[in-house]
């Protein structure tokens, strides 16, 4: 199996793991929040990260991956920023309507694209932009209902979008810059994320719910779902870093909207949640957008791979055939002349 085939299989595996684990944890957390009235989302997330770190530490002790320390300030800043972005998203949901919160999540993709164009000079083709527009239109139709605006909620949503975009771009950038795997980055950043959320979690949850997380009555059923949620979160956190590391922050957001549609469909089929033709139409449009986006990304990656391999192929052909003259890095036949050896032109001749 070639390296590119292994990469594609690894990417498909990461995407599949992310979808399955995310949908599973949404169902588990829905049971906690809706059925058992445990509505302390930020504090629960801090427990998720703590369990994830402990699980990775056990894996490290078993030599399942190699610990690779790198820039401590980058790791600390990245971990704290991730924790703050999660807290801001929860605040955005608490101070806004559900419809406006969904609009906030939709804004993450265009904001990420804009930041990558400005700071990384990344180019997105028209086909990619068109597919993203279809996807966002479909998710908007399926999920956005009422739009109630308020100054504080809008400001919190703006901060949530910016911090989330920067954190997800940093996930990809740090892995490539320091040549670390998703597991290595997650292991080192988890403590900072967990501590940040553990400190601000009870305060935010108390502000949003008017309840005290430490005064909640923890029945065996509540404890069971908390433990189950924490176990699933290990897979969620790992797959998040894995997907962004193998693809990009934009692709991860596209995948996130697909998961939203899957959760809606699952709730309708198995839990008999309220559903309308508008939801169905939106999901179908979003799926079309996701398929078009995947197709365009595949074509562009194949084109880039072909362009990267072309100079190597031409160089090999030049070395193999003595009848070729090398000019500006491209092998061409000499006009009617068969030299005894390859004729190499100097840089001075080439630029004359």
C-alpha atoms as a PDB file:
ATOM      1  CA  UNK A   1       0.000   0.000   0.000  1.00  0.00           C
ATOM      2  CA  UNK A   2       1.434   3.395  -1.017  1.00  0.00           C
ATOM      3  CA  UNK A   3       1.946   6.279   1.392  1.00  0.00           C
ATOM      4  CA  UNK A   4      -0.859   8.316  -0.211  1.00  0.00           C
ATOM      5  CA  UNK A   5      -3.281   5.392   0.139  1.00  0.00           C
ATOM      6  CA  UNK A   6      -2.380   5.004   3.812  1.00  0.00           C
ATOM      7  CA  UNK A   7      -2.903   8.753   4.299  1.00  0.00           C
ATOM      8  CA  UNK A   8      -6.363   8.636   2.674  1.00  0.00           C
ATOM      9  CA  UNK A   9      -7.369   5.607   4.762  1.00  0.00           C
ATOM     10  CA  UNK A  10      -6.129   7.356   7.896  1.00  0.00           C
ATOM     11  CA  UNK A  11      -8.109  10.474   7.001  1.00  0.00           C
ATOM     12  CA  UNK A  12     -11.290   8.474   6.376  1.00  0.00           C
ATOM     13  CA  UNK A  13     -10.793   6.670   9.684  1.00  0.00           C
ATOM     14  CA  UNK A  14     -10.294   9.965  11.544  1.00  0.00           C
ATOM     15  CA  UNK A  15     -13.436  11.472   9.972  1.00  0.00           C
ATOM     16  CA  UNK A  16     -15.499   8.376  10.782  1.00  0.00           C
ATOM     17  CA  UNK A  17     -14.253   8.281  14.382  1.00  0.00           C
ATOM     18  CA  UNK A  18     -15.083  11.965  14.799  1.00  0.00           C
ATOM     19  CA  UNK A  19     -18.640  11.529  13.491  1.00  0.00           C
ATOM     20  CA  UNK A  20     -19.452   8.420  15.556  1.00  0.00           C
ATOM     21  CA  UNK A  21     -17.956   9.719  18.801  1.00  0.00           C
ATOM     22  CA  UNK A  22     -19.484  13.203  18.482  1.00  0.00           C
ATOM     23  CA  UNK A  23     -22.980  11.911  17.753  1.00  0.00           C
ATOM     24  CA  UNK A  24     -22.652   9.448  20.656  1.00  0.00           C
ATOM     25  CA  UNK A  25     -21.602  12.114  23.158  1.00  0.00           C
ATOM     26  CA  UNK A  26     -24.408  14.443  22.047  1.00  0.00           C
ATOM     27  CA  UNK A  27     -26.940  11.696  22.768  1.00  0.00           C
ATOM     28  CA  UNK A  28     -25.342  10.968  26.154  1.00  0.00           C
ATOM     29  CA  UNK A  29     -25.181  14.636  27.140  1.00  0.00           C
ATOM     30  CA  UNK A  30     -28.756  15.164  25.985  1.00  0.00           C
ATOM     31  CA  UNK A  31     -29.830  12.475  28.449  1.00  0.00           C
ATOM     32  CA  UNK A  32     -27.821  14.215  31.186  1.00  0.00           C
ATOM     33  CA  UNK A  33     -29.135  17.704  30.511  1.00  0.00           C
ATOM     34  CA  UNK A  34     -32.713  17.090  29.356  1.00  0.00           C
ATOM     35  CA  UNK A  35     -33.679  14.004  31.333  1.00  0.00           C
ATOM     36  CA  UNK A  36     -31.529  14.185  34.467  1.00  0.00           C
ATOM     37  CA  UNK A  37     -31.333  18.012  34.664  1.00  0.00           C
ATOM     38  CA  UNK A  38     -27.523  18.101  34.904  1.00  0.00           C
ATOM     39  CA  UNK A  39     -27.016  21.372  33.001  1.00  0.00           C
ATOM     40  CA  UNK A  40     -23.410  22.187  33.957  1.00  0.00           C
ATOM     41  CA  UNK A  41     -21.887  21.958  30.475  1.00  0.00           C
ATOM     42  CA  UNK A  42     -18.619  23.850  31.061  1.00  0.00           C
ATOM     43  CA  UNK A  43     -17.752  21.958  34.238  1.00  0.00           C
ATOM     44  CA  UNK A  44     -18.575  18.676  32.495  1.00  0.00           C
ATOM     45  CA  UNK A  45     -16.192  19.627  29.675  1.00  0.00           C
ATOM     46  CA  UNK A  46     -13.386  20.181  32.203  1.00  0.00           C
ATOM     47  CA  UNK A  47     -13.981  16.649  33.500  1.00  0.00           C
ATOM     48  CA  UNK A  48     -13.878  15.381  29.905  1.00  0.00           C
ATOM     49  CA  UNK A  49     -10.436  16.900  29.399  1.00  0.00           C
ATOM     50  CA  UNK A  50      -9.150  15.628  32.734  1.00  0.00           C
ATOM     51  CA  UNK A  51     -10.206  12.060  31.866  1.00  0.00           C
ATOM     52  CA  UNK A  52      -8.697  12.456  28.389  1.00  0.00           C
ATOM     53  CA  UNK A  53      -5.351  13.511  29.904  1.00  0.00           C
ATOM     54  CA  UNK A  54      -5.372  10.592  32.364  1.00  0.00           C
ATOM     55  CA  UNK A  55      -6.164   8.149  29.553  1.00  0.00           C
ATOM     56  CA  UNK A  56      -3.337   9.512  27.407  1.00  0.00           C
ATOM     57  CA  UNK A  57      -0.937   9.333  30.359  1.00  0.00           C
ATOM     58  CA  UNK A  58      -1.765   5.647  30.778  1.00  0.00           C
ATOM     59  CA  UNK A  59      -1.207   5.152  27.039  1.00  0.00           C
ATOM     60  CA  UNK A  60       2.152   6.907  27.365  1.00  0.00           C
ATOM     61  CA  UNK A  61       3.181   4.612  30.233  1.00  0.00           C
ATOM     62  CA  UNK A  62       2.284   1.640  28.013  1.00  0.00           C
ATOM     63  CA  UNK A  63       4.526   3.094  25.254  1.00  0.00           C
ATOM     64  CA  UNK A  64       1.585   3.467  22.870  1.00  0.00           C
ATOM     65  CA  UNK A  65       2.966   6.830  21.742  1.00  0.00           C
ATOM     66  CA  UNK A  66       6.110   8.865  22.240  1.00  0.00           C
ATOM     67  CA  UNK A  67       6.200  11.994  24.377  1.00  0.00           C
ATOM     68  CA  UNK A  68       7.685  14.866  22.363  1.00  0.00           C
ATOM     69  CA  UNK A  69       8.046  18.116  24.337  1.00  0.00           C
ATOM     70  CA  UNK A  70       8.258  21.352  22.355  1.00  0.00           C
ATOM     71  CA  UNK A  71       7.675  25.086  22.877  1.00  0.00           C
ATOM     72  CA  UNK A  72       6.045  25.283  26.329  1.00  0.00           C
ATOM     73  CA  UNK A  73       4.664  28.792  25.782  1.00  0.00           C
ATOM     74  CA  UNK A  74       2.958  27.743  22.551  1.00  0.00           C
ATOM     75  CA  UNK A  75       1.365  24.754  24.267  1.00  0.00           C
ATOM     76  CA  UNK A  76       0.197  26.809  27.245  1.00  0.00           C
ATOM     77  CA  UNK A  77      -1.249  29.585  25.089  1.00  0.00           C
ATOM     78  CA  UNK A  78      -2.952  27.066  22.816  1.00  0.00           C
ATOM     79  CA  UNK A  79      -4.461  25.129  25.731  1.00  0.00           C
ATOM     80  CA  UNK A  80      -5.765  28.218  27.514  1.00  0.00           C
ATOM     81  CA  UNK A  81      -7.198  29.623  24.264  1.00  0.00           C
ATOM     82  CA  UNK A  82      -9.019  26.351  23.608  1.00  0.00           C
ATOM     83  CA  UNK A  83     -10.509  26.401  27.094  1.00  0.00           C
ATOM     84  CA  UNK A  84     -11.629  30.019  26.735  1.00  0.00           C
ATOM     85  CA  UNK A  85     -13.243  29.331  23.343  1.00  0.00           C
ATOM     86  CA  UNK A  86     -15.321  26.505  24.851  1.00  0.00           C
ATOM     87  CA  UNK A  87     -16.434  28.743  27.697  1.00  0.00           C
ATOM     88  CA  UNK A  88     -17.365  31.553  25.300  1.00  0.00           C
ATOM     89  CA  UNK A  89     -19.412  29.180  23.115  1.00  0.00           C
ATOM     90  CA  UNK A  90     -21.358  28.073  26.202  1.00  0.00           C
ATOM     91  CA  UNK A  91     -21.883  31.714  27.216  1.00  0.00           C
ATOM     92  CA  UNK A  92     -23.044  32.517  23.690  1.00  0.00           C
ATOM     93  CA  UNK A  93     -25.666  29.789  23.928  1.00  0.00           C
ATOM     94  CA  UNK A  94     -26.721  31.027  27.355  1.00  0.00           C
ATOM     95  CA  UNK A  95     -27.169  34.694  26.393  1.00  0.00           C
ATOM     96  CA  UNK A  96     -28.625  34.170  22.904  1.00  0.00           C
ATOM     97  CA  UNK A  97     -31.526  32.350  21.348  1.00  0.00           C
ATOM     98  CA  UNK A  98     -30.879  28.919  19.859  1.00  0.00           C
ATOM     99  CA  UNK A  99     -31.311  30.355  16.356  1.00  0.00           C
ATOM    100  CA  UNK A 100     -28.681  33.044  16.898  1.00  0.00           C
ATOM    101  CA  UNK A 101     -26.338  30.480  18.454  1.00  0.00           C
ATOM    102  CA  UNK A 102     -26.650  28.349  15.312  1.00  0.00           C
ATOM    103  CA  UNK A 103     -25.820  31.445  13.251  1.00  0.00           C
ATOM    104  CA  UNK A 104     -22.729  31.878  15.426  1.00  0.00           C
ATOM    105  CA  UNK A 105     -21.604  28.350  14.601  1.00  0.00           C
ATOM    106  CA  UNK A 106     -22.256  28.960  10.897  1.00  0.00           C
ATOM    107  CA  UNK A 107     -20.053  32.064  11.044  1.00  0.00           C
ATOM    108  CA  UNK A 108     -17.025  29.991  12.074  1.00  0.00           C
ATOM    109  CA  UNK A 109     -16.416  28.637   8.540  1.00  0.00           C
ATOM    110  CA  UNK A 110     -16.307  31.981   6.657  1.00  0.00           C
ATOM    111  CA  UNK A 111     -14.294  33.513   9.503  1.00  0.00           C
ATOM    112  CA  UNK A 112     -11.765  30.652   9.343  1.00  0.00           C
ATOM    113  CA  UNK A 113     -11.499  31.025   5.571  1.00  0.00           C
ATOM    114  CA  UNK A 114     -10.956  34.781   5.925  1.00  0.00           C
ATOM    115  CA  UNK A 115      -8.245  34.371   8.579  1.00  0.00           C
ATOM    116  CA  UNK A 116      -6.395  31.762   6.521  1.00  0.00           C
ATOM    117  CA  UNK A 117      -6.513  34.012   3.442  1.00  0.00           C
ATOM    118  CA  UNK A 118      -5.240  37.069   5.357  1.00  0.00           C
ATOM    119  CA  UNK A 119      -2.549  35.502   7.547  1.00  0.00           C
ATOM    120  CA  UNK A 120      -1.530  32.357   5.628  1.00  0.00           C
ATOM    121  CA  UNK A 121      -2.176  33.521   2.038  1.00  0.00           C
ATOM    122  CA  UNK A 122      -4.205  30.368   1.494  1.00  0.00           C
ATOM    123  CA  UNK A 123      -6.192  30.253  -1.743  1.00  0.00           C
ATOM    124  CA  UNK A 124      -9.702  28.743  -1.874  1.00  0.00           C
ATOM    125  CA  UNK A 125     -10.989  27.959  -5.358  1.00  0.00           C
ATOM    126  CA  UNK A 126     -14.392  29.080  -6.575  1.00  0.00           C
ATOM    127  CA  UNK A 127     -15.649  25.493  -6.452  1.00  0.00           C
ATOM    128  CA  UNK A 128     -14.650  25.200  -2.769  1.00  0.00           C
ATOM    129  CA  UNK A 129     -16.317  28.520  -1.971  1.00  0.00           C
ATOM    130  CA  UNK A 130     -19.475  27.456  -3.833  1.00  0.00           C
ATOM    131  CA  UNK A 131     -19.671  24.112  -1.998  1.00  0.00           C
ATOM    132  CA  UNK A 132     -19.235  25.858   1.373  1.00  0.00           C
ATOM    133  CA  UNK A 133     -22.038  28.275   0.477  1.00  0.00           C
ATOM    134  CA  UNK A 134     -24.370  25.328  -0.317  1.00  0.00           C
ATOM    135  CA  UNK A 135     -23.436  23.636   2.961  1.00  0.00           C
ATOM    136  CA  UNK A 136     -24.026  26.752   5.063  1.00  0.00           C
ATOM    137  CA  UNK A 137     -27.342  27.400   3.323  1.00  0.00           C
ATOM    138  CA  UNK A 138     -28.539  23.869   4.080  1.00  0.00           C
ATOM    139  CA  UNK A 139     -27.460  23.944   7.745  1.00  0.00           C
ATOM    140  CA  UNK A 140     -29.037  27.375   8.118  1.00  0.00           C
ATOM    141  CA  UNK A 141     -32.366  26.151   6.751  1.00  0.00           C
ATOM    142  CA  UNK A 142     -32.283  23.045   8.958  1.00  0.00           C
ATOM    143  CA  UNK A 143     -31.231  24.625  12.251  1.00  0.00           C
ATOM    144  CA  UNK A 144     -31.787  28.383  12.380  1.00  0.00           C
ATOM    145  CA  UNK A 145     -35.196  29.362  13.709  1.00  0.00           C
ATOM    146  CA  UNK A 146     -35.691  32.572  15.690  1.00  0.00           C
ATOM    147  CA  UNK A 147     -33.054  35.319  15.643  1.00  0.00           C
ATOM    148  CA  UNK A 148     -33.260  37.414  18.808  1.00  0.00           C
ATOM    149  CA  UNK A 149     -30.387  39.887  19.023  1.00  0.00           C
ATOM    150  CA  UNK A 150     -28.936  41.561  22.097  1.00  0.00           C
ATOM    151  CA  UNK A 151     -25.728  43.551  22.563  1.00  0.00           C
ATOM    152  CA  UNK A 152     -24.067  41.327  25.183  1.00  0.00           C
ATOM    153  CA  UNK A 153     -25.002  38.097  23.402  1.00  0.00           C
ATOM    154  CA  UNK A 154     -23.720  39.421  20.066  1.00  0.00           C
ATOM    155  CA  UNK A 155     -20.410  40.484  21.623  1.00  0.00           C
ATOM    156  CA  UNK A 156     -19.955  37.079  23.288  1.00  0.00           C
ATOM    157  CA  UNK A 157     -20.756  35.332  19.990  1.00  0.00           C
ATOM    158  CA  UNK A 158     -18.168  37.469  18.194  1.00  0.00           C
ATOM    159  CA  UNK A 159     -15.496  36.534  20.765  1.00  0.00           C
ATOM    160  CA  UNK A 160     -16.531  32.874  20.585  1.00  0.00           C
ATOM    161  CA  UNK A 161     -16.180  32.794  16.784  1.00  0.00           C
ATOM    162  CA  UNK A 162     -12.753  34.482  16.793  1.00  0.00           C
ATOM    163  CA  UNK A 163     -11.254  32.332  19.558  1.00  0.00           C
ATOM    164  CA  UNK A 164     -12.650  29.125  18.062  1.00  0.00           C
ATOM    165  CA  UNK A 165     -11.271  29.918  14.598  1.00  0.00           C
ATOM    166  CA  UNK A 166      -7.825  30.836  15.933  1.00  0.00           C
ATOM    167  CA  UNK A 167      -7.681  27.745  18.177  1.00  0.00           C
ATOM    168  CA  UNK A 168      -8.586  25.391  15.326  1.00  0.00           C
ATOM    169  CA  UNK A 169      -6.128  27.019  12.922  1.00  0.00           C
ATOM    170  CA  UNK A 170      -3.432  26.740  15.621  1.00  0.00           C
ATOM    171  CA  UNK A 171      -4.182  23.016  15.988  1.00  0.00           C
ATOM    172  CA  UNK A 172      -3.184  22.423  12.373  1.00  0.00           C
ATOM    173  CA  UNK A 173      -0.322  24.939  12.381  1.00  0.00           C
ATOM    174  CA  UNK A 174       1.349  23.663  15.577  1.00  0.00           C
ATOM    175  CA  UNK A 175       1.252  20.029  14.439  1.00  0.00           C
ATOM    176  CA  UNK A 176       2.968  20.898  11.167  1.00  0.00           C
ATOM    177  CA  UNK A 177       5.418  23.459  12.573  1.00  0.00           C
ATOM    178  CA  UNK A 178       6.740  21.313  15.420  1.00  0.00           C
ATOM    179  CA  UNK A 179       6.151  17.978  13.634  1.00  0.00           C
ATOM    180  CA  UNK A 180       4.083  16.508  16.454  1.00  0.00           C
ATOM    181  CA  UNK A 181       1.196  14.078  16.166  1.00  0.00           C
ATOM    182  CA  UNK A 182      -2.359  14.827  17.260  1.00  0.00           C
ATOM    183  CA  UNK A 183      -1.857  12.565  20.291  1.00  0.00           C
ATOM    184  CA  UNK A 184       1.315  14.360  21.369  1.00  0.00           C
ATOM    185  CA  UNK A 185      -0.304  17.790  21.048  1.00  0.00           C
ATOM    186  CA  UNK A 186      -3.466  16.704  22.850  1.00  0.00           C
ATOM    187  CA  UNK A 187      -1.458  15.150  25.704  1.00  0.00           C
ATOM    188  CA  UNK A 188       0.508  18.339  26.317  1.00  0.00           C
ATOM    189  CA  UNK A 189      -2.345  20.833  25.911  1.00  0.00           C
ATOM    190  CA  UNK A 190      -5.026  18.892  27.830  1.00  0.00           C
ATOM    191  CA  UNK A 191      -3.906  19.984  31.342  1.00  0.00           C
ATOM    192  CA  UNK A 192      -4.087  23.680  30.434  1.00  0.00           C
ATOM    193  CA  UNK A 193      -7.530  23.278  28.842  1.00  0.00           C
ATOM    194  CA  UNK A 194      -8.811  21.276  31.817  1.00  0.00           C
ATOM    195  CA  UNK A 195      -7.470  23.737  34.417  1.00  0.00           C
ATOM    196  CA  UNK A 196      -8.895  26.732  32.526  1.00  0.00           C
ATOM    197  CA  UNK A 197     -12.363  25.172  32.324  1.00  0.00           C
ATOM    198  CA  UNK A 198     -12.207  23.762  35.856  1.00  0.00           C
ATOM    199  CA  UNK A 199     -11.589  27.290  37.195  1.00  0.00           C
ATOM    200  CA  UNK A 200     -14.167  29.149  35.104  1.00  0.00           C
ATOM    201  CA  UNK A 201     -16.658  26.259  34.712  1.00  0.00           C
ATOM    202  CA  UNK A 202     -18.553  26.454  38.035  1.00  0.00           C
ATOM    203  CA  UNK A 203     -18.771  30.249  37.724  1.00  0.00           C
ATOM    204  CA  UNK A 204     -20.101  30.155  34.145  1.00  0.00           C
ATOM    205  CA  UNK A 205     -22.522  27.323  34.899  1.00  0.00           C
ATOM    206  CA  UNK A 206     -23.799  29.146  37.965  1.00  0.00           C
ATOM    207  CA  UNK A 207     -24.255  32.326  35.912  1.00  0.00           C
ATOM    208  CA  UNK A 208     -26.213  30.506  33.217  1.00  0.00           C
ATOM    209  CA  UNK A 209     -28.293  28.114  35.333  1.00  0.00           C
ATOM    210  CA  UNK A 210     -28.521  29.806  38.768  1.00  0.00           C
ATOM    211  CA  UNK A 211     -27.457  26.454  40.237  1.00  0.00           C
ATOM    212  CA  UNK A 212     -24.391  25.220  42.090  1.00  0.00           C
ATOM    213  CA  UNK A 213     -22.642  22.262  40.477  1.00  0.00           C
ATOM    214  CA  UNK A 214     -21.275  21.140  43.850  1.00  0.00           C
ATOM    215  CA  UNK A 215     -24.742  21.198  45.454  1.00  0.00           C
ATOM    216  CA  UNK A 216     -26.299  18.998  42.756  1.00  0.00           C
ATOM    217  CA  UNK A 217     -27.691  15.633  43.870  1.00  0.00           C
ATOM    218  CA  UNK A 218     -25.517  13.003  42.151  1.00  0.00           C
ATOM    219  CA  UNK A 219     -27.665   9.882  41.859  1.00  0.00           C
ATOM    220  CA  UNK A 220     -26.190   6.601  40.550  1.00  0.00           C
ATOM    221  CA  UNK A 221     -27.912   7.210  37.206  1.00  0.00           C
ATOM    222  CA  UNK A 222     -26.376  10.700  36.896  1.00  0.00           C
ATOM    223  CA  UNK A 223     -22.936   9.348  37.812  1.00  0.00           C
ATOM    224  CA  UNK A 224     -23.278   6.576  35.213  1.00  0.00           C
ATOM    225  CA  UNK A 225     -24.006   9.030  32.387  1.00  0.00           C
ATOM    226  CA  UNK A 226     -21.236  11.391  33.556  1.00  0.00           C
ATOM    227  CA  UNK A 227     -18.704   8.537  33.475  1.00  0.00           C
ATOM    228  CA  UNK A 228     -20.018   7.384  30.078  1.00  0.00           C
ATOM    229  CA  UNK A 229     -19.816  10.933  28.720  1.00  0.00           C
ATOM    230  CA  UNK A 230     -16.220  11.283  29.966  1.00  0.00           C
ATOM    231  CA  UNK A 231     -15.216   7.979  28.351  1.00  0.00           C
ATOM    232  CA  UNK A 232     -16.700   8.972  24.984  1.00  0.00           C
ATOM    233  CA  UNK A 233     -15.023  12.381  25.268  1.00  0.00           C
ATOM    234  CA  UNK A 234     -11.591  10.719  25.027  1.00  0.00           C
ATOM    235  CA  UNK A 235     -12.482   9.624  21.510  1.00  0.00           C
ATOM    236  CA  UNK A 236     -14.076  13.009  20.688  1.00  0.00           C
ATOM    237  CA  UNK A 237     -11.027  15.033  21.776  1.00  0.00           C
ATOM    238  CA  UNK A 238      -8.573  12.694  20.083  1.00  0.00           C
ATOM    239  CA  UNK A 239     -10.499  12.611  16.798  1.00  0.00           C
ATOM    240  CA  UNK A 240     -10.816  16.427  16.787  1.00  0.00           C
ATOM    241  CA  UNK A 241      -7.045  16.903  16.857  1.00  0.00           C
ATOM    242  CA  UNK A 242      -6.604  14.018  14.420  1.00  0.00           C
ATOM    243  CA  UNK A 243      -9.025  15.426  11.830  1.00  0.00           C
ATOM    244  CA  UNK A 244      -7.650  18.985  11.969  1.00  0.00           C
ATOM    245  CA  UNK A 245      -4.080  17.681  11.804  1.00  0.00           C
ATOM    246  CA  UNK A 246      -4.789  15.526   8.749  1.00  0.00           C
ATOM    247  CA  UNK A 247      -7.067  17.983   6.949  1.00  0.00           C
ATOM    248  CA  UNK A 248      -7.747  21.594   7.964  1.00  0.00           C
ATOM    249  CA  UNK A 249      -9.814  23.729  10.310  1.00  0.00           C
ATOM    250  CA  UNK A 250     -12.328  24.391   7.509  1.00  0.00           C
ATOM    251  CA  UNK A 251     -12.801  20.676   6.823  1.00  0.00           C
ATOM    252  CA  UNK A 252     -13.337  20.070  10.533  1.00  0.00           C
ATOM    253  CA  UNK A 253     -16.076  22.719  10.598  1.00  0.00           C
ATOM    254  CA  UNK A 254     -17.708  21.129   7.538  1.00  0.00           C
ATOM    255  CA  UNK A 255     -17.648  17.814   9.376  1.00  0.00           C
ATOM    256  CA  UNK A 256     -19.149  19.518  12.426  1.00  0.00           C
ATOM    257  CA  UNK A 257     -22.158  20.690  10.429  1.00  0.00           C
ATOM    258  CA  UNK A 258     -22.599  17.183   9.028  1.00  0.00           C
ATOM    259  CA  UNK A 259     -22.708  15.905  12.620  1.00  0.00           C
ATOM    260  CA  UNK A 260     -25.365  18.509  13.442  1.00  0.00           C
ATOM    261  CA  UNK A 261     -27.536  17.193  10.616  1.00  0.00           C
ATOM    262  CA  UNK A 262     -26.976  13.602  11.740  1.00  0.00           C
ATOM    263  CA  UNK A 263     -27.986  14.461  15.303  1.00  0.00           C
ATOM    264  CA  UNK A 264     -31.176  16.110  14.009  1.00  0.00           C
ATOM    265  CA  UNK A 265     -31.998  13.079  11.882  1.00  0.00           C
ATOM    266  CA  UNK A 266     -31.208  10.684  14.739  1.00  0.00           C
ATOM    267  CA  UNK A 267     -33.431  12.639  17.119  1.00  0.00           C
ATOM    268  CA  UNK A 268     -36.305  12.458  14.655  1.00  0.00           C
ATOM    269  CA  UNK A 269     -35.986   8.757  13.816  1.00  0.00           C
ATOM    270  CA  UNK A 270     -35.241   7.271  17.256  1.00  0.00           C
ATOM    271  CA  UNK A 271     -36.310   9.909  19.774  1.00  0.00           C
ATOM    272  CA  UNK A 272     -39.300  11.264  17.800  1.00  0.00           C
ATOM    273  CA  UNK A 273     -38.188  14.883  18.186  1.00  0.00           C
ATOM    274  CA  UNK A 274     -40.299  17.533  16.402  1.00  0.00           C
ATOM    275  CA  UNK A 275     -39.322  17.669  12.752  1.00  0.00           C
ATOM    276  CA  UNK A 276     -40.565  19.524   9.667  1.00  0.00           C
ATOM    277  CA  UNK A 277     -40.077  19.522   5.911  1.00  0.00           C
ATOM    278  CA  UNK A 278     -37.830  22.537   6.408  1.00  0.00           C
ATOM    279  CA  UNK A 279     -35.470  20.408   8.515  1.00  0.00           C
ATOM    280  CA  UNK A 280     -35.460  17.655   5.889  1.00  0.00           C
ATOM    281  CA  UNK A 281     -34.822  20.122   3.040  1.00  0.00           C
ATOM    282  CA  UNK A 282     -32.001  21.792   4.962  1.00  0.00           C
ATOM    283  CA  UNK A 283     -30.302  18.473   5.772  1.00  0.00           C
ATOM    284  CA  UNK A 284     -30.495  17.354   2.127  1.00  0.00           C
ATOM    285  CA  UNK A 285     -28.990  20.649   0.891  1.00  0.00           C
ATOM    286  CA  UNK A 286     -26.253  20.438   3.544  1.00  0.00           C
ATOM    287  CA  UNK A 287     -25.385  16.884   2.522  1.00  0.00           C
ATOM    288  CA  UNK A 288     -25.152  17.979  -1.131  1.00  0.00           C
ATOM    289  CA  UNK A 289     -22.812  20.795  -0.101  1.00  0.00           C
ATOM    290  CA  UNK A 290     -20.667  18.403   1.916  1.00  0.00           C
ATOM    291  CA  UNK A 291     -20.427  15.934  -0.992  1.00  0.00           C
ATOM    292  CA  UNK A 292     -19.472  18.716  -3.417  1.00  0.00           C
ATOM    293  CA  UNK A 293     -16.884  20.040  -0.945  1.00  0.00           C
ATOM    294  CA  UNK A 294     -15.347  16.572  -0.496  1.00  0.00           C
ATOM    295  CA  UNK A 295     -15.261  16.041  -4.272  1.00  0.00           C
ATOM    296  CA  UNK A 296     -13.602  19.412  -4.896  1.00  0.00           C
ATOM    297  CA  UNK A 297     -11.034  18.840  -2.139  1.00  0.00           C
ATOM    298  CA  UNK A 298     -10.184  15.424  -3.581  1.00  0.00           C
ATOM    299  CA  UNK A 299      -9.714  16.843  -7.095  1.00  0.00           C
ATOM    300  CA  UNK A 300      -7.512  19.674  -5.836  1.00  0.00           C
ATOM    301  CA  UNK A 301      -5.362  17.359  -3.708  1.00  0.00           C
ATOM    302  CA  UNK A 302      -4.860  15.041  -6.694  1.00  0.00           C
ATOM    303  CA  UNK A 303      -3.952  18.022  -8.877  1.00  0.00           C
ATOM    304  CA  UNK A 304      -1.417  19.285  -6.313  1.00  0.00           C
ATOM    305  CA  UNK A 305       0.092  15.796  -6.011  1.00  0.00           C
ATOM    306  CA  UNK A 306       0.429  15.580  -9.807  1.00  0.00           C
ATOM    307  CA  UNK A 307       2.060  19.008  -9.979  1.00  0.00           C
ATOM    308  CA  UNK A 308       4.481  18.077  -7.200  1.00  0.00           C
ATOM    309  CA  UNK A 309       5.498  14.803  -8.878  1.00  0.00           C
ATOM    310  CA  UNK A 310       5.895  16.305 -12.382  1.00  0.00           C
ATOM    311  CA  UNK A 311       9.327  17.972 -11.808  1.00  0.00           C
ATOM    312  CA  UNK A 312      10.684  14.761 -10.256  1.00  0.00           C
ATOM    313  CA  UNK A 313       9.523  12.733 -13.250  1.00  0.00           C
ATOM    314  CA  UNK A 314      11.059  15.195 -15.695  1.00  0.00           C
ATOM    315  CA  UNK A 315      14.341  15.210 -13.785  1.00  0.00           C
ATOM    316  CA  UNK A 316      14.538  11.408 -13.909  1.00  0.00           C
ATOM    317  CA  UNK A 317      13.820  11.428 -17.651  1.00  0.00           C
ATOM    318  CA  UNK A 318      16.585  13.991 -18.182  1.00  0.00           C
ATOM    319  CA  UNK A 319      19.113  11.856 -16.338  1.00  0.00           C
ATOM    320  CA  UNK A 320      18.064   8.684 -18.170  1.00  0.00           C
ATOM    321  CA  UNK A 321      18.196  10.047 -21.754  1.00  0.00           C
ATOM    322  CA  UNK A 322      21.523  11.534 -22.985  1.00  0.00           C
ATOM    323  CA  UNK A 323      19.738  13.090 -26.007  1.00  0.00           C
ATOM    324  CA  UNK A 324      18.040  15.657 -23.766  1.00  0.00           C
ATOM    325  CA  UNK A 325      19.233  19.195 -23.245  1.00  0.00           C
ATOM    326  CA  UNK A 326      18.380  20.691 -19.860  1.00  0.00           C
ATOM    327  CA  UNK A 327      16.951  24.179 -20.228  1.00  0.00           C
ATOM    328  CA  UNK A 328      15.232  26.014 -17.372  1.00  0.00           C
ATOM    329  CA  UNK A 329      14.733  22.711 -15.555  1.00  0.00           C
ATOM    330  CA  UNK A 330      12.785  21.076 -18.427  1.00  0.00           C
ATOM    331  CA  UNK A 331      14.169  18.385 -20.720  1.00  0.00           C
ATOM    332  CA  UNK A 332      13.819  19.179 -24.455  1.00  0.00           C
ATOM    333  CA  UNK A 333      15.256  17.504 -27.561  1.00  0.00           C
ATOM    334  CA  UNK A 334      18.155  19.344 -29.219  1.00  0.00           C
ATOM    335  CA  UNK A 335      17.151  20.653 -32.638  1.00  0.00           C
ATOM    336  CA  UNK A 336      18.475  18.061 -35.074  1.00  0.00           C
ATOM    337  CA  UNK A 337      21.698  17.581 -33.095  1.00  0.00           C
ATOM    338  CA  UNK A 338      22.714  14.439 -31.314  1.00  0.00           C
ATOM    339  CA  UNK A 339      25.380  15.425 -28.774  1.00  0.00           C
ATOM    340  CA  UNK A 340      27.789  12.904 -27.298  1.00  0.00           C
ATOM    341  CA  UNK A 341      26.879  14.003 -23.781  1.00  0.00           C
ATOM    342  CA  UNK A 342      24.136  16.099 -22.216  1.00  0.00           C
ATOM    343  CA  UNK A 343      24.588  19.793 -22.843  1.00  0.00           C
ATOM    344  CA  UNK A 344      24.156  21.772 -19.584  1.00  0.00           C
ATOM    345  CA  UNK A 345      23.614  25.498 -19.936  1.00  0.00           C
ATOM    346  CA  UNK A 346      24.980  27.762 -17.237  1.00  0.00           C
ATOM    347  CA  UNK A 347      22.745  30.101 -15.220  1.00  0.00           C
ATOM    348  CA  UNK A 348      24.351  32.977 -17.115  1.00  0.00           C
ATOM    349  CA  UNK A 349      23.301  31.490 -20.469  1.00  0.00           C
ATOM    350  CA  UNK A 350      19.773  30.780 -19.229  1.00  0.00           C
ATOM    351  CA  UNK A 351      19.173  34.363 -18.217  1.00  0.00           C
ATOM    352  CA  UNK A 352      20.845  35.904 -21.247  1.00  0.00           C
END
